[in-house]
Each structure stands twice: as structure tokens, then as C-alpha cells.
Amino acid sequence: MKFRVTMKDPDVLHDAIQEAVAECAAALTGIDEDERPAVAEKRCEKVAELCGTWFGYDEYLTVEIDTDAKTCVVIPDSEIE
């Protein structure tokens, strides 16, 4: 049996991106401290754009569960009807 589940959380993606980028930005070398926020902001934009592949409106994520194959697959946002 296959079925789809759509989950919605308006803040979780944004918060996760911010946290991950902050960790990466803190580890950057060769830049001045006043440059770090600008780099982090741009990186957040790029990561959010990539995540748009799977997240609709930055908050909806749909997965398809196949109980026969025992799998769970993220459905790209472009395939959601």
C-alpha cells in the first residue's frame, strides 16, 4: 500500500536553515567578522531556494510511504497536485 502525508510547519525549515548556516558561517576562515552576517544571509537564501524543491511555500513537505517496500520518499513540490 502507498499513501502520501503532507506535513506543515511554518517555522521549522527557516529555523533549521538559520541554525545550519550559522554553524557553517562561524567556521569560515579568511573573512572579517563584519562580513560574516552578509555571507550567512546569502547562504540562507541559496539553501532556502534549494529546499523549495521539496518544500511548498517553505512550510509544506509531502512524503510517500510504501508499506510493501518499507520506504518513505520525499515528493518534490513540483509533483504535488
C-alpha atoms as a PDB file:
ATOM      1  CA  MET A   1       0.000   0.000   0.000  1.00  0.00           C
ATOM      2  CA  LYS A   2       1.176   3.516  -0.814  1.00  0.00           C
ATOM      3  CA  PHE A   3      -0.084   6.735   0.677  1.00  0.00           C
ATOM      4  CA  ARG A   4       1.072  10.337   0.968  1.00  0.00           C
ATOM      5  CA  VAL A   5       1.346  12.509   4.022  1.00  0.00           C
ATOM      6  CA  THR A   6       1.713  16.292   3.886  1.00  0.00           C
ATOM      7  CA  MET A   7       3.204  17.943   6.931  1.00  0.00           C
ATOM      8  CA  LYS A   8       3.065  21.659   7.648  1.00  0.00           C
ATOM      9  CA  ASP A   9       5.209  23.720   9.961  1.00  0.00           C
ATOM     10  CA  PRO A  10       5.786  27.365   9.089  1.00  0.00           C
ATOM     11  CA  ASP A  11       8.954  27.833  11.137  1.00  0.00           C
ATOM     12  CA  VAL A  12      10.873  24.565  11.167  1.00  0.00           C
ATOM     13  CA  LEU A  13      12.585  24.902   7.759  1.00  0.00           C
ATOM     14  CA  HIS A  14      13.580  28.526   8.326  1.00  0.00           C
ATOM     15  CA  ASP A  15      14.897  27.758  11.805  1.00  0.00           C
ATOM     16  CA  ALA A  16      16.845  24.705  10.619  1.00  0.00           C
ATOM     17  CA  ILE A  17      18.440  26.640   7.765  1.00  0.00           C
ATOM     18  CA  GLN A  18      19.383  29.520  10.071  1.00  0.00           C
ATOM     19  CA  GLU A  19      20.975  27.151  12.589  1.00  0.00           C
ATOM     20  CA  ALA A  20      22.925  25.161   9.992  1.00  0.00           C
ATOM     21  CA  VAL A  21      24.174  28.269   8.209  1.00  0.00           C
ATOM     22  CA  ALA A  22      25.175  29.927  11.491  1.00  0.00           C
ATOM     23  CA  GLU A  23      27.359  26.913  12.326  1.00  0.00           C
ATOM     24  CA  CYS A  24      28.984  26.992   8.879  1.00  0.00           C
ATOM     25  CA  ALA A  25      29.485  30.765   8.965  1.00  0.00           C
ATOM     26  CA  ALA A  26      31.131  30.565  12.374  1.00  0.00           C
ATOM     27  CA  ALA A  27      33.654  28.081  10.980  1.00  0.00           C
ATOM     28  CA  LEU A  28      34.570  30.210   7.946  1.00  0.00           C
ATOM     29  CA  THR A  29      38.115  31.449   7.839  1.00  0.00           C
ATOM     30  CA  GLY A  30      39.625  34.250   5.825  1.00  0.00           C
ATOM     31  CA  ILE A  31      36.777  36.738   6.257  1.00  0.00           C
ATOM     32  CA  ASP A  32      36.321  39.664   8.602  1.00  0.00           C
ATOM     33  CA  GLU A  33      33.762  39.407  11.388  1.00  0.00           C
ATOM     34  CA  ASP A  34      31.652  42.181   9.866  1.00  0.00           C
ATOM     35  CA  GLU A  35      31.424  40.151   6.619  1.00  0.00           C
ATOM     36  CA  ARG A  36      30.122  37.025   8.340  1.00  0.00           C
ATOM     37  CA  PRO A  37      26.437  38.126   8.606  1.00  0.00           C
ATOM     38  CA  ALA A  38      26.295  39.041   4.907  1.00  0.00           C
ATOM     39  CA  VAL A  39      27.777  35.685   3.922  1.00  0.00           C
ATOM     40  CA  ALA A  40      25.328  33.875   6.202  1.00  0.00           C
ATOM     41  CA  GLU A  41      22.349  35.782   4.803  1.00  0.00           C
ATOM     42  CA  LYS A  42      23.277  34.977   1.203  1.00  0.00           C
ATOM     43  CA  ARG A  43      23.882  31.342   2.058  1.00  0.00           C
ATOM     44  CA  CYS A  44      20.470  31.142   3.784  1.00  0.00           C
ATOM     45  CA  GLU A  45      18.849  32.436   0.601  1.00  0.00           C
ATOM     46  CA  LYS A  46      20.607  29.815  -1.518  1.00  0.00           C
ATOM     47  CA  VAL A  47      19.751  26.958   0.840  1.00  0.00           C
ATOM     48  CA  ALA A  48      16.105  28.071   1.081  1.00  0.00           C
ATOM     49  CA  GLU A  49      15.883  28.178  -2.712  1.00  0.00           C
ATOM     50  CA  LEU A  50      17.250  24.632  -2.938  1.00  0.00           C
ATOM     51  CA  CYS A  51      14.847  23.418  -0.244  1.00  0.00           C
ATOM     52  CA  GLY A  52      11.998  24.839  -2.322  1.00  0.00           C
ATOM     53  CA  THR A  53      12.475  21.738  -4.454  1.00  0.00           C
ATOM     54  CA  TRP A  54      10.802  19.743  -1.696  1.00  0.00           C
ATOM     55  CA  PHE A  55       9.010  22.292   0.492  1.00  0.00           C
ATOM     56  CA  GLY A  56       5.951  24.106  -0.804  1.00  0.00           C
ATOM     57  CA  TYR A  57       5.672  27.689   0.432  1.00  0.00           C
ATOM     58  CA  ASP A  58       8.646  26.968   2.752  1.00  0.00           C
ATOM     59  CA  GLU A  59       6.396  25.002   5.104  1.00  0.00           C
ATOM     60  CA  TYR A  60       4.732  22.014   3.385  1.00  0.00           C
ATOM     61  CA  LEU A  61       6.577  18.722   2.965  1.00  0.00           C
ATOM     62  CA  THR A  62       4.963  15.677   1.374  1.00  0.00           C
ATOM     63  CA  VAL A  63       6.255  12.150   1.767  1.00  0.00           C
ATOM     64  CA  GLU A  64       5.037   8.938   0.185  1.00  0.00           C
ATOM     65  CA  ILE A  65       5.062   5.875   2.394  1.00  0.00           C
ATOM     66  CA  ASP A  66       5.143   2.433   0.788  1.00  0.00           C
ATOM     67  CA  THR A  67       4.274  -0.217   3.348  1.00  0.00           C
ATOM     68  CA  ASP A  68       5.175  -3.081   0.989  1.00  0.00           C
ATOM     69  CA  ALA A  69       8.669  -1.774   0.201  1.00  0.00           C
ATOM     70  CA  LYS A  70       9.030  -0.294   3.702  1.00  0.00           C
ATOM     71  CA  THR A  71      10.153   3.054   2.276  1.00  0.00           C
ATOM     72  CA  CYS A  72       9.397   6.704   2.816  1.00  0.00           C
ATOM     73  CA  VAL A  73      10.246   9.090  -0.029  1.00  0.00           C
ATOM     74  CA  VAL A  74      10.061  12.883  -0.147  1.00  0.00           C
ATOM     75  CA  ILE A  75       7.885  14.023  -3.055  1.00  0.00           C
ATOM     76  CA  PRO A  76       9.232  17.069  -4.932  1.00  0.00           C
ATOM     77  CA  ASP A  77       6.941  20.063  -4.603  1.00  0.00           C
ATOM     78  CA  SER A  78       6.572  20.225  -8.394  1.00  0.00           C
ATOM     79  CA  GLU A  79       4.850  16.807  -8.315  1.00  0.00           C
ATOM     80  CA  ILE A  80       2.211  17.776  -5.774  1.00  0.00           C
ATOM     81  CA  GLU A  81      -1.235  18.108  -7.311  1.00  0.00           C
END
